[in-house]
C-alpha atoms as a PDB file:
ATOM      1  CA  MET A   1      99.737  52.313  -8.390  1.00  0.00           C
ATOM      2  CA  ALA A   2      98.371  48.806 -10.184  1.00  0.00           C
ATOM      3  CA  CYS A   3      96.104  46.856  -8.078  1.00  0.00           C
ATOM      4  CA  GLN A   4      97.419  43.295  -7.982  1.00  0.00           C
ATOM      5  CA  ILE A   5      94.370  40.608  -7.223  1.00  0.00           C
ATOM      6  CA  PRO A   6      95.333  38.000  -4.461  1.00  0.00           C
ATOM      7  CA  LYS A   7      96.702  34.798  -6.419  1.00  0.00           C
ATOM      8  CA  PHE A   8      94.143  32.636  -4.269  1.00  0.00           C
ATOM      9  CA  PHE A   9      91.332  34.674  -4.999  1.00  0.00           C
ATOM     10  CA  LEU A  10      92.412  33.881  -9.042  1.00  0.00           C
ATOM     11  CA  ARG A  11      91.992  30.274  -8.266  1.00  0.00           C
ATOM     12  CA  ARG A  12      88.741  30.107  -6.482  1.00  0.00           C
ATOM     13  CA  VAL A  13      87.226  32.168  -9.178  1.00  0.00           C
ATOM     14  CA  CYS A  14      88.719  30.254 -11.943  1.00  0.00           C
ATOM     15  CA  GLN A  15      88.508  27.038 -10.627  1.00  0.00           C
ATOM     16  CA  PRO A  16      86.760  24.887 -13.239  1.00  0.00           C
ATOM     17  CA  SER A  17      83.151  24.087 -12.215  1.00  0.00           C
ATOM     18  CA  SER A  18      82.841  20.350 -13.258  1.00  0.00           C
ATOM     19  CA  PRO A  19      85.072  17.788 -13.969  1.00  0.00           C
ATOM     20  CA  PHE A  20      84.718  17.897 -17.534  1.00  0.00           C
ATOM     21  CA  GLN A  21      85.880  22.021 -17.209  1.00  0.00           C
ATOM     22  CA  LYS A  22      88.692  20.414 -15.282  1.00  0.00           C
ATOM     23  CA  LEU A  23      89.915  18.552 -17.532  1.00  0.00           C
ATOM     24  CA  SER A  24      89.474  20.822 -20.316  1.00  0.00           C
ATOM     25  CA  SER A  25      91.698  23.463 -18.777  1.00  0.00           C
ATOM     26  CA  GLN A  26      94.381  21.018 -17.884  1.00  0.00           C
ATOM     27  CA  ALA A  27      94.346  19.489 -21.456  1.00  0.00           C
ATOM     28  CA  PRO A  28      97.315  20.655 -24.054  1.00  0.00           C
ATOM     29  CA  ARG A  29      95.469  23.230 -26.187  1.00  0.00           C
ATOM     30  CA  SER A  30      95.175  20.750 -29.353  1.00  0.00           C
ATOM     31  CA  LEU A  31      93.067  18.455 -27.182  1.00  0.00           C
ATOM     32  CA  ARG A  32      90.926  21.215 -25.645  1.00  0.00           C
ATOM     33  CA  ALA A  33      89.714  22.425 -29.136  1.00  0.00           C
ATOM     34  CA  SER A  34      89.216  18.791 -29.983  1.00  0.00           C
ATOM     35  CA  ILE A  35      86.944  18.571 -26.644  1.00  0.00           C
ATOM     36  CA  ARG A  36      85.317  21.583 -27.459  1.00  0.00           C
ATOM     37  CA  ASN A  37      84.245  20.286 -30.982  1.00  0.00           C
ATOM     38  CA  SER A  38      83.336  16.979 -29.849  1.00  0.00           C
ATOM     39  CA  PRO A  39      79.677  15.425 -30.017  1.00  0.00           C
ATOM     40  CA  ALA A  40      80.213  14.125 -26.746  1.00  0.00           C
ATOM     41  CA  ARG A  41      79.217  17.872 -25.432  1.00  0.00           C
ATOM     42  CA  ARG A  42      76.100  18.580 -27.372  1.00  0.00           C
ATOM     43  CA  ASN A  43      72.753  18.965 -25.228  1.00  0.00           C
ATOM     44  CA  TYR A  44      70.383  16.542 -24.232  1.00  0.00           C
ATOM     45  CA  ALA A  45      67.285  19.154 -24.238  1.00  0.00           C
ATOM     46  CA  THR A  46      68.241  19.591 -27.869  1.00  0.00           C
ATOM     47  CA  GLY A  47      67.730  16.033 -28.516  1.00  0.00           C
ATOM     48  CA  GLU A  48      71.473  15.614 -29.191  1.00  0.00           C
ATOM     49  CA  SER A  49      73.772  13.060 -27.930  1.00  0.00           C
ATOM     50  CA  GLY A  50      75.605  14.085 -24.502  1.00  0.00           C
ATOM     51  CA  PRO A  51      77.781  12.775 -21.043  1.00  0.00           C
ATOM     52  CA  LYS A  52      76.862   9.252 -20.210  1.00  0.00           C
ATOM     53  CA  PRO A  53      74.944   9.024 -17.128  1.00  0.00           C
ATOM     54  CA  LYS A  54      76.400   7.040 -14.332  1.00  0.00           C
ATOM     55  CA  PRO A  55      75.209   3.424 -14.183  1.00  0.00           C
ATOM     56  CA  GLY A  56      71.481   2.936 -13.169  1.00  0.00           C
ATOM     57  CA  GLN A  57      70.873   7.000 -13.449  1.00  0.00           C
ATOM     58  CA  SER A  58      68.485   8.394 -15.907  1.00  0.00           C
ATOM     59  CA  PRO A  59      69.873  11.243 -17.425  1.00  0.00           C
ATOM     60  CA  PHE A  60      66.528  13.083 -17.136  1.00  0.00           C
ATOM     61  CA  LYS A  61      63.593  12.238 -15.000  1.00  0.00           C
ATOM     62  CA  ILE A  62      60.733  12.574 -17.410  1.00  0.00           C
ATOM     63  CA  TRP A  63      58.462   9.484 -16.375  1.00  0.00           C
ATOM     64  CA  PRO A  64      55.952  11.420 -14.857  1.00  0.00           C
ATOM     65  CA  PHE A  65      55.088  13.502 -18.216  1.00  0.00           C
ATOM     66  CA  VAL A  66      55.119  10.409 -20.053  1.00  0.00           C
ATOM     67  CA  ALA A  67      52.469   8.645 -17.985  1.00  0.00           C
ATOM     68  CA  ILE A  68      50.548  11.937 -17.628  1.00  0.00           C
ATOM     69  CA  THR A  69      50.688  11.843 -21.933  1.00  0.00           C
ATOM     70  CA  LEU A  70      49.721   8.395 -22.296  1.00  0.00           C
ATOM     71  CA  VAL A  71      46.918   8.445 -20.020  1.00  0.00           C
ATOM     72  CA  GLY A  72      45.395  11.995 -21.773  1.00  0.00           C
ATOM     73  CA  SER A  73      46.116  10.239 -25.188  1.00  0.00           C
ATOM     74  CA  GLY A  74      43.769   7.198 -23.834  1.00  0.00           C
ATOM     75  CA  ALA A  75      41.407   9.509 -22.653  1.00  0.00           C
ATOM     76  CA  TYR A  76      41.122  11.415 -25.834  1.00  0.00           C
ATOM     77  CA  MET A  77      40.937   8.071 -28.194  1.00  0.00           C
ATOM     78  CA  LEU A  78      38.334   6.704 -25.468  1.00  0.00           C
ATOM     79  CA  MET A  79      36.270   9.823 -26.013  1.00  0.00           C
ATOM     80  CA  VAL A  80      36.727   9.837 -30.135  1.00  0.00           C
ATOM     81  CA  LYS A  81      35.584   6.325 -29.657  1.00  0.00           C
ATOM     82  CA  ASN A  82      32.214   7.015 -27.799  1.00  0.00           C
ATOM     83  CA  ARG A  83      31.579   9.648 -29.800  1.00  0.00           C
ATOM     84  CA  THR A  84      31.918   7.695 -32.995  1.00  0.00           C
ATOM     85  CA  ASP A  85      29.840   4.873 -31.334  1.00  0.00           C
ATOM     86  CA  MET A  86      27.126   7.138 -30.587  1.00  0.00           C
ATOM     87  CA  ALA A  87      26.880   8.989 -33.763  1.00  0.00           C
ATOM     88  CA  SER A  88      26.733   5.440 -34.972  1.00  0.00           C
ATOM     89  CA  THR A  89      23.958   4.603 -32.741  1.00  0.00           C
ATOM     90  CA  ASP A  90      22.053   7.444 -33.562  1.00  0.00           C
ATOM     91  CA  LYS A  91      22.159   7.020 -37.093  1.00  0.00           C
ATOM     92  CA  GLN A  92      21.052   2.989 -36.794  1.00  0.00           C
ATOM     93  CA  ILE A  93      17.849   4.278 -34.678  1.00  0.00           C
ATOM     94  CA  ALA A  94      16.907   7.355 -36.557  1.00  0.00           C
ATOM     95  CA  ALA A  95      13.515   6.877 -38.016  1.00  0.00           C
ATOM     96  CA  PRO A  96      12.745   8.839 -41.394  1.00  0.00           C
ATOM     97  CA  LYS A  97      11.140  11.692 -40.706  1.00  0.00           C
ATOM     98  CA  LYS A  98       6.777  11.000 -41.668  1.00  0.00           C
ATOM     99  CA  ASP A  99       4.653  14.054 -42.691  1.00  0.00           C
ATOM    100  CA  VAL A 100       1.673  11.746 -41.320  1.00  0.00           C
ATOM    101  CA  PRO A 101       1.361   8.892 -38.912  1.00  0.00           C
ATOM    102  CA  THR A 102       1.810   5.314 -40.479  1.00  0.00           C
ATOM    103  CA  PHE A 103      -1.972   4.525 -39.394  1.00  0.00           C
ATOM    104  CA  SER A 104      -5.128   6.415 -39.485  1.00  0.00           C
ATOM    105  CA  PRO A 105      -7.316   6.493 -36.570  1.00  0.00           C
ATOM    106  CA  ASP A 106     -10.118   5.810 -38.880  1.00  0.00           C
ATOM    107  CA  ASP A 107      -8.684   2.339 -39.553  1.00  0.00           C
ATOM    108  CA  VAL A 108      -6.891   1.512 -36.388  1.00  0.00           C
ATOM    109  CA  THR A 109      -8.092   1.869 -32.891  1.00  0.00           C
ATOM    110  CA  VAL A 110      -4.959   2.564 -30.163  1.00  0.00           C
ATOM    111  CA  ILE A 111      -5.703   2.731 -26.820  1.00  0.00           C
ATOM    112  CA  PHE A 112      -2.954   3.008 -24.121  1.00  0.00           C
ATOM    113  CA  VAL A 113      -3.204   1.094 -21.377  1.00  0.00           C
ATOM    114  CA  LEU A 114      -1.624   2.650 -18.304  1.00  0.00           C
ATOM    115  CA  GLY A 115      -1.681   2.156 -14.166  1.00  0.00           C
ATOM    116  CA  GLY A 116       0.566   1.576 -11.696  1.00  0.00           C
ATOM    117  CA  PRO A 117       2.884  -1.767 -11.158  1.00  0.00           C
ATOM    118  CA  GLY A 118      -0.008  -4.030  -9.413  1.00  0.00           C
ATOM    119  CA  ALA A 119      -3.056  -2.176 -10.676  1.00  0.00           C
ATOM    120  CA  GLY A 120      -3.866  -5.483 -12.984  1.00  0.00           C
ATOM    121  CA  LYS A 121      -3.253  -4.107 -16.186  1.00  0.00           C
ATOM    122  CA  GLY A 122      -2.394  -7.518 -17.763  1.00  0.00           C
ATOM    123  CA  THR A 123      -5.478  -9.227 -16.429  1.00  0.00           C
ATOM    124  CA  GLN A 124      -7.741  -6.890 -18.097  1.00  0.00           C
ATOM    125  CA  CYS A 125      -6.089  -6.279 -21.133  1.00  0.00           C
ATOM    126  CA  ALA A 126      -6.376 -10.441 -21.310  1.00  0.00           C
ATOM    127  CA  ASN A 127     -10.014 -10.285 -21.034  1.00  0.00           C
ATOM    128  CA  LEU A 128     -10.514  -7.611 -23.351  1.00  0.00           C
ATOM    129  CA  VAL A 129      -8.538  -9.612 -26.031  1.00  0.00           C
ATOM    130  CA  ARG A 130     -10.870 -12.543 -25.187  1.00  0.00           C
ATOM    131  CA  ASP A 131     -14.474 -10.804 -25.783  1.00  0.00           C
ATOM    132  CA  TYR A 132     -13.525  -7.790 -28.265  1.00  0.00           C
ATOM    133  CA  LYS A 133     -10.935  -9.299 -30.196  1.00  0.00           C
ATOM    134  CA  PHE A 134      -8.032  -6.628 -29.584  1.00  0.00           C
ATOM    135  CA  THR A 135      -4.637  -7.261 -29.879  1.00  0.00           C
ATOM    136  CA  HIS A 136      -2.793  -6.926 -26.875  1.00  0.00           C
ATOM    137  CA  LEU A 137       0.602  -5.472 -27.260  1.00  0.00           C
ATOM    138  CA  SER A 138       3.244  -4.910 -24.364  1.00  0.00           C
ATOM    139  CA  ALA A 139       6.515  -2.841 -24.916  1.00  0.00           C
ATOM    140  CA  GLY A 140       8.108  -4.626 -22.668  1.00  0.00           C
ATOM    141  CA  ASP A 141       7.409  -8.329 -23.972  1.00  0.00           C
ATOM    142  CA  LEU A 142       8.513  -6.929 -27.737  1.00  0.00           C
ATOM    143  CA  LEU A 143      11.821  -5.544 -26.090  1.00  0.00           C
ATOM    144  CA  ARG A 144      12.559  -8.948 -24.613  1.00  0.00           C
ATOM    145  CA  ALA A 145      11.686 -10.924 -27.658  1.00  0.00           C
ATOM    146  CA  GLU A 146      13.464  -8.480 -30.310  1.00  0.00           C
ATOM    147  CA  GLN A 147      16.833  -8.799 -28.565  1.00  0.00           C
ATOM    148  CA  GLU A 148      16.873 -12.725 -28.744  1.00  0.00           C
ATOM    149  CA  ARG A 149      15.489 -12.796 -32.427  1.00  0.00           C
ATOM    150  CA  PRO A 150      17.879 -13.602 -34.486  1.00  0.00           C
ATOM    151  CA  ASP A 151      19.553 -11.201 -37.433  1.00  0.00           C
ATOM    152  CA  SER A 152      17.684  -8.192 -35.239  1.00  0.00           C
ATOM    153  CA  GLU A 153      18.251  -4.683 -36.656  1.00  0.00           C
ATOM    154  CA  PHE A 154      18.136  -4.005 -32.922  1.00  0.00           C
ATOM    155  CA  GLY A 155      18.795  -6.887 -30.974  1.00  0.00           C
ATOM    156  CA  THR A 156      22.449  -5.959 -29.860  1.00  0.00           C
ATOM    157  CA  LEU A 157      21.615  -2.353 -29.379  1.00  0.00           C
ATOM    158  CA  ILE A 158      19.213  -3.540 -26.931  1.00  0.00           C
ATOM    159  CA  LYS A 159      21.214  -6.214 -25.258  1.00  0.00           C
ATOM    160  CA  ASP A 160      23.449  -3.380 -24.407  1.00  0.00           C
ATOM    161  CA  TYR A 161      21.785  -0.804 -23.517  1.00  0.00           C
ATOM    162  CA  ILE A 162      19.745  -3.245 -20.885  1.00  0.00           C
ATOM    163  CA  LYS A 163      23.252  -4.497 -19.594  1.00  0.00           C
ATOM    164  CA  ASP A 164      24.541  -0.970 -18.963  1.00  0.00           C
ATOM    165  CA  GLY A 165      21.318  -0.042 -17.182  1.00  0.00           C
ATOM    166  CA  LEU A 166      20.240   2.360 -19.394  1.00  0.00           C
ATOM    167  CA  ILE A 167      16.601   2.957 -21.048  1.00  0.00           C
ATOM    168  CA  VAL A 168      16.212   1.955 -24.378  1.00  0.00           C
ATOM    169  CA  PRO A 169      15.787   4.712 -27.265  1.00  0.00           C
ATOM    170  CA  MET A 170      12.133   5.443 -27.591  1.00  0.00           C
ATOM    171  CA  GLU A 171      12.478   5.365 -31.130  1.00  0.00           C
ATOM    172  CA  VAL A 172      13.598   1.727 -31.103  1.00  0.00           C
ATOM    173  CA  THR A 173      10.356   0.868 -28.656  1.00  0.00           C
ATOM    174  CA  VAL A 174       8.149   2.957 -31.340  1.00  0.00           C
ATOM    175  CA  GLN A 175       9.417   1.145 -34.232  1.00  0.00           C
ATOM    176  CA  LEU A 176       8.959  -1.998 -32.723  1.00  0.00           C
ATOM    177  CA  LEU A 177       5.425  -1.300 -31.876  1.00  0.00           C
ATOM    178  CA  GLU A 178       4.564   0.082 -35.596  1.00  0.00           C
ATOM    179  CA  ASN A 179       6.109  -3.109 -36.874  1.00  0.00           C
ATOM    180  CA  ALA A 180       4.074  -5.396 -34.713  1.00  0.00           C
ATOM    181  CA  MET A 181       0.855  -3.235 -35.387  1.00  0.00           C
ATOM    182  CA  MET A 182       1.781  -3.285 -39.169  1.00  0.00           C
ATOM    183  CA  GLU A 183       2.170  -7.334 -39.166  1.00  0.00           C
ATOM    184  CA  VAL A 184      -1.534  -7.738 -37.811  1.00  0.00           C
ATOM    185  CA  VAL A 185      -3.081  -4.685 -40.093  1.00  0.00           C
ATOM    186  CA  GLN A 186      -1.828  -6.362 -43.296  1.00  0.00           C
ATOM    187  CA  LYS A 187      -3.371  -9.920 -42.486  1.00  0.00           C
ATOM    188  CA  ASP A 188      -6.601  -8.143 -42.104  1.00  0.00           C
ATOM    189  CA  LYS A 189      -8.692  -8.182 -45.187  1.00  0.00           C
ATOM    190  CA  ASP A 190      -9.599  -4.701 -44.406  1.00  0.00           C
ATOM    191  CA  ARG A 191      -6.521  -3.589 -43.459  1.00  0.00           C
ATOM    192  CA  LYS A 192      -7.801  -2.473 -39.699  1.00  0.00           C
ATOM    193  CA  GLY A 193      -6.882  -3.403 -36.472  1.00  0.00           C
ATOM    194  CA  LYS A 194      -7.843  -2.889 -32.860  1.00  0.00           C
ATOM    195  CA  PHE A 195      -4.851  -2.468 -30.333  1.00  0.00           C
ATOM    196  CA  LEU A 196      -4.307  -2.301 -26.503  1.00  0.00           C
ATOM    197  CA  ILE A 197      -0.706  -1.135 -25.935  1.00  0.00           C
ATOM    198  CA  ASP A 198      -0.015  -2.119 -22.670  1.00  0.00           C
ATOM    199  CA  GLY A 199       2.534  -0.025 -20.315  1.00  0.00           C
ATOM    200  CA  PHE A 200       3.421   2.077 -22.884  1.00  0.00           C
ATOM    201  CA  PRO A 201       3.718   5.252 -23.314  1.00  0.00           C
ATOM    202  CA  ARG A 202       6.096   5.128 -19.991  1.00  0.00           C
ATOM    203  CA  LYS A 203       7.103   9.327 -20.454  1.00  0.00           C
ATOM    204  CA  MET A 204       5.447  12.041 -22.570  1.00  0.00           C
ATOM    205  CA  ASP A 205       8.508  12.301 -25.053  1.00  0.00           C
ATOM    206  CA  GLN A 206       7.201   8.742 -25.723  1.00  0.00           C
ATOM    207  CA  ALA A 207       3.265   9.525 -26.394  1.00  0.00           C
ATOM    208  CA  LEU A 208       4.503  12.323 -28.500  1.00  0.00           C
ATOM    209  CA  LYS A 209       6.421  10.522 -30.832  1.00  0.00           C
ATOM    210  CA  PHE A 210       4.211   7.292 -31.475  1.00  0.00           C
ATOM    211  CA  GLU A 211       0.933   9.898 -32.084  1.00  0.00           C
ATOM    212  CA  GLU A 212       3.313  12.039 -34.557  1.00  0.00           C
ATOM    213  CA  THR A 213       4.724   9.076 -35.893  1.00  0.00           C
ATOM    214  CA  VAL A 214       2.505   5.592 -35.669  1.00  0.00           C
ATOM    215  CA  CYS A 215      -1.142   6.873 -34.997  1.00  0.00           C
ATOM    216  CA  PRO A 216      -3.072   8.921 -32.339  1.00  0.00           C
ATOM    217  CA  ALA A 217      -4.517   6.927 -29.821  1.00  0.00           C
ATOM    218  CA  LYS A 218      -8.098   7.189 -29.115  1.00  0.00           C
ATOM    219  CA  PHE A 219      -7.636   7.660 -25.058  1.00  0.00           C
ATOM    220  CA  VAL A 220      -5.768   6.224 -21.864  1.00  0.00           C
ATOM    221  CA  LEU A 221      -7.475   3.173 -20.527  1.00  0.00           C
ATOM    222  CA  PHE A 222      -6.193   4.333 -16.638  1.00  0.00           C
ATOM    223  CA  PHE A 223      -6.515   1.971 -14.168  1.00  0.00           C
ATOM    224  CA  ASP A 224      -6.444   3.607 -10.441  1.00  0.00           C
ATOM    225  CA  CYS A 225      -5.377   2.033  -7.640  1.00  0.00           C
ATOM    226  CA  PRO A 226      -3.832   3.082  -4.182  1.00  0.00           C
ATOM    227  CA  GLU A 227      -0.515   2.328  -3.690  1.00  0.00           C
ATOM    228  CA  LYS A 228      -1.027   0.673  -0.676  1.00  0.00           C
ATOM    229  CA  GLU A 229      -3.313  -1.767  -2.497  1.00  0.00           C
ATOM    230  CA  MET A 230      -0.736  -2.581  -5.297  1.00  0.00           C
ATOM    231  CA  GLN A 231       1.974  -3.162  -3.028  1.00  0.00           C
ATOM    232  CA  ARG A 232       0.089  -5.826  -1.136  1.00  0.00           C
ATOM    233  CA  ARG A 233      -0.950  -7.383  -4.477  1.00  0.00           C
ATOM    234  CA  LEU A 234       2.565  -7.060  -5.551  1.00  0.00           C
ATOM    235  CA  LEU A 235       4.069  -8.797  -2.594  1.00  0.00           C
ATOM    236  CA  GLU A 236       1.157 -11.843  -2.662  1.00  0.00           C
ATOM    237  CA  ARG A 237       2.218 -11.965  -6.496  1.00  0.00           C
ATOM    238  CA  GLY A 238       5.790 -12.154  -5.282  1.00  0.00           C
ATOM    239  CA  LYS A 239       5.641 -15.462  -3.611  1.00  0.00           C
ATOM    240  CA  THR A 240       5.161 -17.454  -6.564  1.00  0.00           C
ATOM    241  CA  SER A 241       5.926 -15.081  -9.871  1.00  0.00           C
ATOM    242  CA  GLY A 242       9.725 -15.778  -9.390  1.00  0.00           C
ATOM    243  CA  ARG A 243      10.046 -11.801 -10.585  1.00  0.00           C
ATOM    244  CA  THR A 244      13.178 -10.353  -8.742  1.00  0.00           C
ATOM    245  CA  ASP A 245      11.762  -6.997  -8.989  1.00  0.00           C
ATOM    246  CA  ASP A 246       8.335  -8.198  -6.561  1.00  0.00           C
ATOM    247  CA  ASN A 247      10.082  -7.513  -3.565  1.00  0.00           C
ATOM    248  CA  ALA A 248       9.203  -4.413  -1.176  1.00  0.00           C
ATOM    249  CA  GLU A 249      12.398  -1.946  -2.138  1.00  0.00           C
ATOM    250  CA  SER A 250      12.191  -2.762  -5.946  1.00  0.00           C
ATOM    251  CA  ILE A 251       8.238  -1.780  -5.520  1.00  0.00           C
ATOM    252  CA  LYS A 252       8.931   1.322  -3.873  1.00  0.00           C
ATOM    253  CA  LYS A 253      11.533   2.306  -6.644  1.00  0.00           C
ATOM    254  CA  ARG A 254       8.631   1.273  -9.481  1.00  0.00           C
ATOM    255  CA  PHE A 255       6.095   3.306  -7.307  1.00  0.00           C
ATOM    256  CA  LYS A 256       8.251   6.450  -7.608  1.00  0.00           C
ATOM    257  CA  VAL A 257       9.153   6.347 -11.299  1.00  0.00           C
ATOM    258  CA  PHE A 258       5.620   5.577 -12.318  1.00  0.00           C
ATOM    259  CA  VAL A 259       4.312   8.892 -10.489  1.00  0.00           C
ATOM    260  CA  GLU A 260       7.179  10.962 -12.113  1.00  0.00           C
ATOM    261  CA  THR A 261       7.071   9.740 -15.695  1.00  0.00           C
ATOM    262  CA  SER A 262       3.825   7.886 -16.076  1.00  0.00           C
ATOM    263  CA  MET A 263       1.196  10.114 -14.378  1.00  0.00           C
ATOM    264  CA  PRO A 264       2.215  13.360 -16.508  1.00  0.00           C
ATOM    265  CA  VAL A 265       1.130  11.223 -19.483  1.00  0.00           C
ATOM    266  CA  VAL A 266      -2.013  10.371 -17.776  1.00  0.00           C
ATOM    267  CA  ASP A 267      -3.041  14.266 -16.824  1.00  0.00           C
ATOM    268  CA  TYR A 268      -2.016  15.342 -20.326  1.00  0.00           C
ATOM    269  CA  PHE A 269      -4.612  12.977 -22.282  1.00  0.00           C
ATOM    270  CA  GLU A 270      -6.909  14.032 -19.401  1.00  0.00           C
ATOM    271  CA  SER A 271      -6.848  17.863 -20.255  1.00  0.00           C
ATOM    272  CA  GLN A 272      -7.571  16.660 -23.919  1.00  0.00           C
ATOM    273  CA  ASP A 273     -10.838  14.308 -22.140  1.00  0.00           C
ATOM    274  CA  ARG A 274      -8.772  11.286 -23.778  1.00  0.00           C
ATOM    275  CA  VAL A 275      -8.749   9.028 -20.695  1.00  0.00           C
ATOM    276  CA  VAL A 276     -10.815   6.588 -18.909  1.00  0.00           C
ATOM    277  CA  LYS A 277     -10.579   5.740 -15.582  1.00  0.00           C
ATOM    278  CA  VAL A 278     -11.209   2.730 -13.685  1.00  0.00           C
ATOM    279  CA  VAL A 279     -11.383   2.317 -10.167  1.00  0.00           C
ATOM    280  CA  ALA A 280      -8.996  -1.144  -9.922  1.00  0.00           C
ATOM    281  CA  THR A 281      -9.800  -1.520  -6.269  1.00  0.00           C
ATOM    282  CA  LYS A 282     -12.780  -4.152  -6.559  1.00  0.00           C
ATOM    283  CA  THR A 283     -12.043  -7.723  -7.357  1.00  0.00           C
ATOM    284  CA  PRO A 284     -10.660  -8.728 -11.124  1.00  0.00           C
ATOM    285  CA  ASP A 285     -14.219  -9.145 -12.153  1.00  0.00           C
ATOM    286  CA  GLY A 286     -15.453  -6.012 -10.431  1.00  0.00           C
ATOM    287  CA  VAL A 287     -12.709  -4.279 -12.567  1.00  0.00           C
ATOM    288  CA  TYR A 288     -13.809  -5.938 -15.809  1.00  0.00           C
ATOM    289  CA  LYS A 289     -17.754  -4.895 -15.619  1.00  0.00           C
ATOM    290  CA  GLU A 290     -17.128  -1.368 -15.030  1.00  0.00           C
ATOM    291  CA  THR A 291     -14.081  -1.251 -17.840  1.00  0.00           C
ATOM    292  CA  ARG A 292     -16.377  -2.944 -20.476  1.00  0.00           C
ATOM    293  CA  GLY A 293     -19.115  -0.443 -19.418  1.00  0.00           C
ATOM    294  CA  LYS A 294     -16.547   2.733 -19.767  1.00  0.00           C
ATOM    295  CA  LEU A 295     -15.792   1.211 -22.898  1.00  0.00           C
ATOM    296  CA  GLU A 296     -19.024   0.533 -24.466  1.00  0.00           C
ATOM    297  CA  ASP A 297     -19.837   4.174 -23.674  1.00  0.00           C
ATOM    298  CA  ARG A 298     -17.075   5.407 -25.683  1.00  0.00           C
ATOM    299  CA  LEU A 299     -16.518   3.384 -28.453  1.00  0.00           C
ATOM    300  CA  GLY A 300     -20.505   1.792 -28.995  1.00  0.00           C
ATOM    301  CA  LYS A 301     -21.437  -1.326 -28.207  1.00  0.00           C
ATOM    302  CA  ASN A 302     -19.372  -3.322 -31.122  1.00  0.00           C
ATOM    303  CA  LEU A 303     -15.967  -1.395 -29.929  1.00  0.00           C
END
């Protein structure tokens, strides 16, 4: 005996699931065929057209994906640009490799002058320039002058690094020192020169780079002064100097940087017996008297 399915069940199962299907099922056969083949039924997922959404309603919600894509694309483009800029900067500051330094220590005397902030380096360098005809070169002064020089090769680079709070690449500083030394040597009839390089090198890599490419130093002239005394001097100087870093907080940071970066340089040269140490706690005249005596012992009376 055949099993009969109740009509109400058939009506529920076969009921169209959407207005579109309901319209199709109720339309004449020819119209239904036309509807099936109509482009309006093509799916959005395939990039084709489909039923129009209700007013104010997006056919699909993809804005989060669009935002993520835009952000990702922007980040990628920024990364590519930064790498390009870095490559360009490296190319700009890369110095040609040298087999030998530019200057011979037989013709050029280089003395690195180091000491903590407030140790009195500037005062003693001025005395030595006056009495022994040294040329005093300050790395900081050279950088500041270079960034203001019209048509400077490194001016824009230096400004950008300082503006961003970054350390100027050592290749730039070394090159500026070499340029300044070359200018002095070329003016001398015997092509000789004597240089006090003040506040340089601040780190070991700077020391090694300079000696490798420019000239080996005779020694380091190190003004040894306790931190407490240097702080007293700097605070006193700050009353009239107008320098923004002559305050207690900045001074403390400068001491820390000096101990961590510059003292290893002093220790390295001392291990090679290339340090002349002067106790810098006396009066300026007392410090200079000791400085002169030790330099003459090392280099001779005529220096």
